[in-house]
N, C-alpha and C. Protein backbone atom coordinates (compact mmCIF):
# COMPACT_ATOMS: atom_id res chain seq x y z
N MET A 1 127.73 158.55 126.67
CA MET A 1 128.38 159.58 127.46
C MET A 1 129.87 159.50 127.20
N SER A 2 130.50 160.62 126.94
CA SER A 2 131.94 160.65 126.71
C SER A 2 132.68 160.54 128.03
N THR A 3 133.71 159.73 128.01
CA THR A 3 134.58 159.63 129.17
C THR A 3 136.00 159.85 128.72
N GLY A 4 136.23 160.88 127.91
CA GLY A 4 137.53 161.18 127.35
C GLY A 4 138.56 161.48 128.41
N PRO A 5 139.83 161.38 128.04
CA PRO A 5 140.91 161.64 128.99
C PRO A 5 140.91 163.09 129.45
N VAL A 6 141.65 163.32 130.48
CA VAL A 6 141.73 164.64 131.09
C VAL A 6 143.15 165.16 131.00
N THR A 7 143.30 166.41 130.61
CA THR A 7 144.59 167.08 130.66
C THR A 7 144.49 168.00 131.87
N GLU A 8 145.19 167.66 132.93
CA GLU A 8 145.13 168.45 134.16
C GLU A 8 146.28 169.44 134.19
N ALA A 9 146.01 170.64 134.66
CA ALA A 9 147.01 171.68 134.89
C ALA A 9 147.96 171.84 133.72
N ALA A 10 147.39 172.02 132.52
CA ALA A 10 148.18 172.29 131.35
C ALA A 10 148.99 173.57 131.57
N THR A 11 150.12 173.67 130.94
CA THR A 11 151.01 174.82 131.18
C THR A 11 151.07 175.76 129.99
N PRO A 12 151.38 177.04 130.23
CA PRO A 12 151.48 178.00 129.14
C PRO A 12 152.56 177.58 128.15
N VAL A 13 152.32 177.93 126.90
CA VAL A 13 153.26 177.60 125.82
C VAL A 13 154.14 178.82 125.58
N PRO A 14 155.46 178.67 125.66
CA PRO A 14 156.37 179.81 125.44
C PRO A 14 156.11 180.44 124.07
N GLY A 15 156.13 181.78 124.05
CA GLY A 15 155.94 182.52 122.79
C GLY A 15 154.52 182.64 122.33
N THR A 16 153.54 182.31 123.17
CA THR A 16 152.15 182.36 122.75
C THR A 16 151.30 183.30 123.56
N SER A 17 151.87 184.16 124.36
CA SER A 17 151.17 185.18 125.12
C SER A 17 150.00 184.65 125.93
N GLY A 18 150.24 183.67 126.78
CA GLY A 18 149.19 183.18 127.69
C GLY A 18 148.43 181.97 127.20
N TRP A 19 148.57 181.61 125.95
CA TRP A 19 147.88 180.43 125.45
C TRP A 19 148.41 179.19 126.16
N VAL A 20 147.54 178.22 126.37
CA VAL A 20 147.90 177.01 127.10
C VAL A 20 147.64 175.78 126.22
N ARG A 21 148.57 174.83 126.25
CA ARG A 21 148.37 173.60 125.51
C ARG A 21 147.31 172.77 126.23
N ALA A 22 146.23 172.49 125.53
CA ALA A 22 145.13 171.72 126.11
C ALA A 22 145.30 170.22 125.86
N CYS A 23 145.79 169.87 124.68
CA CYS A 23 145.99 168.47 124.31
C CYS A 23 146.68 168.41 122.96
N ALA A 24 147.00 167.21 122.53
CA ALA A 24 147.54 167.02 121.18
C ALA A 24 146.35 166.87 120.21
N LEU A 25 146.52 167.37 119.01
CA LEU A 25 145.46 167.29 118.01
C LEU A 25 145.05 165.85 117.78
N GLY A 26 146.01 164.94 117.76
CA GLY A 26 145.72 163.53 117.52
C GLY A 26 144.92 162.86 118.63
N GLU A 27 144.82 163.51 119.79
CA GLU A 27 144.04 162.96 120.91
C GLU A 27 142.54 163.26 120.77
N LEU A 28 142.20 164.09 119.79
CA LEU A 28 140.79 164.44 119.58
C LEU A 28 140.28 163.80 118.32
N THR A 29 139.39 162.85 118.44
CA THR A 29 138.75 162.27 117.29
C THR A 29 137.58 163.13 116.88
N ASP A 30 137.09 162.98 115.67
CA ASP A 30 135.93 163.75 115.25
C ASP A 30 134.74 163.41 116.14
N GLY A 31 134.15 164.41 116.75
CA GLY A 31 133.06 164.19 117.70
C GLY A 31 133.54 163.89 119.11
N GLY A 32 134.87 163.96 119.29
CA GLY A 32 135.43 163.66 120.61
C GLY A 32 135.46 164.88 121.52
N VAL A 33 135.40 164.62 122.82
CA VAL A 33 135.41 165.66 123.84
C VAL A 33 136.51 165.31 124.85
N ARG A 34 137.25 166.34 125.24
CA ARG A 34 138.34 166.13 126.22
C ARG A 34 138.30 167.28 127.22
N ARG A 35 138.50 166.99 128.48
CA ARG A 35 138.55 168.01 129.53
C ARG A 35 140.00 168.46 129.68
N ALA A 36 140.19 169.76 129.81
CA ALA A 36 141.53 170.31 130.08
C ALA A 36 141.40 171.42 131.12
N VAL A 37 142.32 171.41 132.07
CA VAL A 37 142.39 172.46 133.07
C VAL A 37 143.53 173.38 132.64
N LEU A 38 143.24 174.64 132.40
CA LEU A 38 144.19 175.57 131.80
C LEU A 38 145.06 176.26 132.84
N GLY A 39 146.12 175.63 133.23
CA GLY A 39 147.02 176.20 134.24
C GLY A 39 146.60 175.84 135.64
N ALA A 40 147.49 176.12 136.58
CA ALA A 40 147.26 175.79 137.99
C ALA A 40 145.97 176.41 138.53
N ASP A 41 145.70 177.66 138.15
CA ASP A 41 144.52 178.33 138.65
C ASP A 41 143.53 178.69 137.53
N GLY A 42 143.74 178.11 136.37
CA GLY A 42 142.92 178.46 135.22
C GLY A 42 141.60 177.71 135.17
N PRO A 43 140.77 178.07 134.22
CA PRO A 43 139.48 177.42 134.08
C PRO A 43 139.60 176.02 133.48
N ALA A 44 138.60 175.21 133.72
CA ALA A 44 138.46 173.91 133.06
C ALA A 44 137.63 174.13 131.80
N VAL A 45 138.04 173.52 130.71
CA VAL A 45 137.31 173.62 129.46
C VAL A 45 137.05 172.25 128.88
N ALA A 46 136.01 172.18 128.08
CA ALA A 46 135.73 170.98 127.28
C ALA A 46 136.23 171.33 125.88
N VAL A 47 137.21 170.55 125.40
CA VAL A 47 137.77 170.75 124.07
C VAL A 47 137.10 169.73 123.15
N VAL A 48 136.54 170.21 122.04
CA VAL A 48 135.71 169.40 121.18
C VAL A 48 136.16 169.52 119.72
N ARG A 49 136.18 168.41 119.02
CA ARG A 49 136.50 168.42 117.58
C ARG A 49 135.26 168.01 116.81
N VAL A 50 134.83 168.90 115.92
CA VAL A 50 133.67 168.60 115.09
C VAL A 50 134.01 168.94 113.65
N GLY A 51 134.06 167.90 112.83
CA GLY A 51 134.40 168.13 111.41
C GLY A 51 135.72 168.75 111.17
N GLY A 52 136.54 169.21 111.14
CA GLY A 52 137.89 169.76 111.21
C GLY A 52 138.06 170.95 112.11
N LEU A 53 137.01 171.31 112.82
CA LEU A 53 137.08 172.47 113.71
C LEU A 53 137.25 172.04 115.18
N ILE A 54 138.06 172.82 115.88
CA ILE A 54 138.27 172.57 117.30
C ILE A 54 137.62 173.72 118.08
N HIS A 55 136.89 173.38 119.12
CA HIS A 55 136.22 174.37 119.95
C HIS A 55 136.61 174.12 121.41
N ALA A 56 136.49 175.18 122.23
CA ALA A 56 136.69 175.05 123.67
C ALA A 56 135.62 175.87 124.38
N VAL A 57 134.88 175.25 125.25
CA VAL A 57 133.85 175.94 126.05
C VAL A 57 134.08 175.63 127.51
N ALA A 58 133.54 176.47 128.37
CA ALA A 58 133.61 176.22 129.81
C ALA A 58 133.09 174.83 130.12
N ASP A 59 133.77 174.12 131.01
CA ASP A 59 133.40 172.74 131.29
C ASP A 59 132.35 172.62 132.41
N ARG A 60 131.45 173.55 132.46
CA ARG A 60 130.36 173.50 133.44
C ARG A 60 129.07 173.94 132.78
N CYS A 61 128.06 173.12 132.88
CA CYS A 61 126.75 173.47 132.37
C CYS A 61 126.22 174.65 133.17
N SER A 62 125.64 175.61 132.48
CA SER A 62 125.11 176.79 133.19
C SER A 62 123.82 176.50 133.91
N HIS A 63 123.24 175.32 133.71
CA HIS A 63 122.00 174.97 134.36
C HIS A 63 122.26 174.38 135.75
N GLN A 64 123.14 173.37 135.85
CA GLN A 64 123.36 172.75 137.16
C GLN A 64 124.82 172.41 137.42
N ASP A 65 125.74 173.18 136.86
CA ASP A 65 127.14 173.06 137.19
C ASP A 65 127.69 171.65 137.01
N PHE A 66 127.29 170.98 135.94
CA PHE A 66 127.75 169.62 135.65
C PHE A 66 128.80 169.67 134.54
N ARG A 67 129.76 168.75 134.53
CA ARG A 67 130.82 168.74 133.52
C ARG A 67 130.27 168.47 132.12
N LEU A 68 130.45 169.44 131.25
CA LEU A 68 130.05 169.25 129.85
C LEU A 68 130.99 168.28 129.13
N SER A 69 132.23 168.15 129.62
CA SER A 69 133.18 167.24 128.97
C SER A 69 132.75 165.78 129.07
N GLU A 70 131.78 165.50 129.91
CA GLU A 70 131.24 164.14 130.02
C GLU A 70 130.06 163.92 129.08
N GLY A 71 129.73 164.97 128.30
CA GLY A 71 128.60 164.91 127.37
C GLY A 71 129.04 164.41 126.01
N GLU A 72 128.12 164.51 125.07
CA GLU A 72 128.36 164.07 123.70
C GLU A 72 128.08 165.18 122.71
N VAL A 73 128.69 165.08 121.56
CA VAL A 73 128.44 166.01 120.47
C VAL A 73 127.17 165.55 119.76
N VAL A 74 126.20 166.47 119.68
CA VAL A 74 124.91 166.19 119.06
C VAL A 74 124.58 167.36 118.13
N ASP A 75 124.36 167.08 116.85
CA ASP A 75 124.01 168.13 115.88
C ASP A 75 125.00 169.31 115.94
N GLY A 76 126.26 169.05 116.11
CA GLY A 76 127.27 170.11 116.12
C GLY A 76 127.36 170.89 117.42
N GLY A 77 126.60 170.49 118.44
CA GLY A 77 126.66 171.15 119.76
C GLY A 77 127.11 170.15 120.81
N LEU A 78 127.33 170.64 122.02
CA LEU A 78 127.74 169.78 123.11
C LEU A 78 126.57 169.62 124.07
N GLU A 79 126.15 168.38 124.26
CA GLU A 79 125.00 168.08 125.09
C GLU A 79 125.43 167.75 126.52
N CYS A 80 124.79 168.42 127.48
CA CYS A 80 125.05 168.13 128.89
C CYS A 80 124.45 166.76 129.20
N PRO A 81 125.22 165.87 129.80
CA PRO A 81 124.69 164.52 130.09
C PRO A 81 123.69 164.47 131.23
N LEU A 82 123.59 165.54 132.02
CA LEU A 82 122.68 165.52 133.17
C LEU A 82 121.23 165.70 132.76
N HIS A 83 120.92 166.77 132.02
CA HIS A 83 119.54 167.05 131.64
C HIS A 83 119.34 167.28 130.14
N GLY A 84 120.39 167.13 129.36
CA GLY A 84 120.23 167.21 127.91
C GLY A 84 120.28 168.59 127.29
N ALA A 85 120.67 169.61 128.03
CA ALA A 85 120.83 170.96 127.43
C ALA A 85 121.91 170.86 126.36
N LEU A 86 121.65 171.47 125.21
CA LEU A 86 122.59 171.43 124.09
C LEU A 86 123.17 172.82 123.85
N PHE A 87 124.50 172.92 123.92
CA PHE A 87 125.18 174.23 123.81
C PHE A 87 125.84 174.36 122.44
N ASP A 88 125.62 175.50 121.78
CA ASP A 88 126.28 175.79 120.51
C ASP A 88 127.76 176.00 120.79
N LEU A 89 128.62 175.26 120.09
CA LEU A 89 130.05 175.33 120.35
C LEU A 89 130.68 176.65 119.88
N ARG A 90 130.05 177.34 118.95
CA ARG A 90 130.58 178.61 118.45
C ARG A 90 130.22 179.79 119.35
N THR A 91 129.04 179.74 119.94
CA THR A 91 128.55 180.89 120.71
C THR A 91 128.36 180.61 122.19
N GLY A 92 128.25 179.35 122.57
CA GLY A 92 127.98 178.99 123.95
C GLY A 92 126.52 179.03 124.34
N THR A 93 125.65 179.45 123.44
CA THR A 93 124.24 179.58 123.79
C THR A 93 123.55 178.21 123.81
N PRO A 94 122.64 178.02 124.79
CA PRO A 94 121.92 176.76 124.85
C PRO A 94 120.74 176.80 123.85
N ASP A 95 120.29 175.62 123.42
CA ASP A 95 119.18 175.57 122.47
C ASP A 95 117.84 175.72 123.16
N GLY A 96 117.84 175.71 124.47
CA GLY A 96 116.58 175.88 125.21
C GLY A 96 116.69 175.24 126.57
N PRO A 97 115.57 175.26 127.32
CA PRO A 97 115.58 174.73 128.68
C PRO A 97 116.04 173.27 128.68
N PRO A 98 116.63 172.83 129.80
CA PRO A 98 116.63 173.53 131.07
C PRO A 98 117.65 174.65 131.20
N ALA A 99 118.70 174.65 130.39
CA ALA A 99 119.69 175.74 130.46
C ALA A 99 119.13 176.99 129.80
N THR A 100 119.35 178.13 130.42
CA THR A 100 118.89 179.40 129.85
C THR A 100 120.02 180.39 129.67
N ARG A 101 121.18 180.11 130.28
CA ARG A 101 122.35 181.00 130.18
C ARG A 101 123.43 180.34 129.36
N PRO A 102 124.16 181.12 128.57
CA PRO A 102 125.24 180.57 127.78
C PRO A 102 126.45 180.19 128.65
N VAL A 103 127.34 179.38 128.08
CA VAL A 103 128.61 179.07 128.71
C VAL A 103 129.70 179.85 127.96
N ALA A 104 130.82 180.11 128.64
CA ALA A 104 131.92 180.85 128.02
C ALA A 104 132.54 180.05 126.88
N VAL A 105 132.95 180.75 125.85
CA VAL A 105 133.64 180.16 124.71
C VAL A 105 135.07 180.70 124.71
N HIS A 106 136.04 179.84 124.56
CA HIS A 106 137.45 180.24 124.57
C HIS A 106 138.04 180.17 123.16
N ALA A 107 138.97 181.07 122.88
CA ALA A 107 139.68 181.06 121.62
C ALA A 107 140.57 179.84 121.55
N VAL A 108 140.66 179.23 120.36
CA VAL A 108 141.43 178.01 120.14
C VAL A 108 142.35 178.22 118.95
N ALA A 109 143.54 177.67 119.03
CA ALA A 109 144.46 177.67 117.88
C ALA A 109 145.18 176.33 117.84
N VAL A 110 145.58 175.93 116.65
CA VAL A 110 146.36 174.71 116.49
C VAL A 110 147.75 175.14 116.03
N ARG A 111 148.76 174.68 116.76
CA ARG A 111 150.14 175.02 116.47
C ARG A 111 150.89 173.70 116.34
N GLY A 112 151.19 173.32 115.10
CA GLY A 112 151.78 172.00 114.87
C GLY A 112 150.74 170.95 115.24
N GLU A 113 151.09 170.10 116.19
CA GLU A 113 150.17 169.07 116.67
C GLU A 113 149.53 169.42 118.01
N ASP A 114 149.76 170.66 118.47
CA ASP A 114 149.22 171.09 119.77
C ASP A 114 147.94 171.89 119.61
N VAL A 115 146.94 171.58 120.43
CA VAL A 115 145.72 172.38 120.52
C VAL A 115 145.93 173.36 121.66
N LEU A 116 145.92 174.66 121.35
CA LEU A 116 146.13 175.70 122.34
C LEU A 116 144.81 176.42 122.61
N VAL A 117 144.61 176.78 123.89
CA VAL A 117 143.41 177.50 124.31
C VAL A 117 143.87 178.72 125.08
N ASP A 118 143.22 179.85 124.84
CA ASP A 118 143.53 181.07 125.57
C ASP A 118 142.57 181.17 126.76
N PRO A 119 143.06 180.94 127.98
CA PRO A 119 142.18 180.99 129.15
C PRO A 119 141.60 182.35 129.42
N ALA A 120 142.26 183.40 128.97
CA ALA A 120 141.78 184.78 129.23
C ALA A 120 140.82 185.26 128.15
N ALA A 121 140.83 184.67 127.01
CA ALA A 121 140.01 185.15 125.91
C ALA A 121 138.72 184.37 125.78
N SER A 122 137.81 184.59 126.71
CA SER A 122 136.53 183.94 126.64
C SER A 122 135.45 184.97 126.41
N THR A 123 134.43 184.51 125.73
CA THR A 123 133.30 185.40 125.46
C THR A 123 132.02 184.72 125.89
N VAL A 124 131.12 185.47 126.43
CA VAL A 124 129.80 184.97 126.74
C VAL A 124 128.81 185.90 126.07
N PRO A 125 127.97 185.37 125.17
CA PRO A 125 126.99 186.21 124.50
C PRO A 125 126.04 186.82 125.50
N VAL A 126 125.57 188.02 125.21
CA VAL A 126 124.60 188.70 126.05
C VAL A 126 123.21 188.41 125.49
N ASP A 127 122.34 187.88 126.35
CA ASP A 127 120.96 187.57 125.96
C ASP A 127 120.89 186.71 124.69
N GLY A 128 121.80 185.77 124.56
CA GLY A 128 121.75 184.85 123.43
C GLY A 128 122.25 185.42 122.14
N ALA A 129 122.80 186.62 122.12
CA ALA A 129 123.30 187.20 120.88
C ALA A 129 124.54 186.45 120.41
N SER A 130 124.75 186.40 119.15
CA SER A 130 125.90 185.71 118.55
C SER A 130 127.19 186.51 118.83
N THR A 131 128.30 185.79 118.96
CA THR A 131 129.59 186.44 119.16
C THR A 131 130.35 186.55 117.86
N THR A 132 129.77 186.12 116.76
CA THR A 132 130.48 186.19 115.47
C THR A 132 130.15 187.45 114.73
């Protein structure tokens, strides 16, 4: 089970139109998961690094409202530590029960050594459809 550090109440980055610094790139190891709260009233996300890609998904399992940031990366997805639901990091869709609803996926950018997440730009697939 991942017990990565937490970035609480991250602040907007000047000149990035609402994007929020979630963490430093160097704080994410391959397969690492980190929790970030995007602003004082913003959503909590699980920031994940898999192979050179950075992803951010809502930090709550859609099955039982458990923190996904406490889970592990399995087969390129994020596994909920409570009941093992595995969420696709690109689309937010679960691979099957117990979770049946997707989690929100947030846009991510890397600016220098900063990992930025857009708290307003989240997508949730409809009926498991891909967002790509």
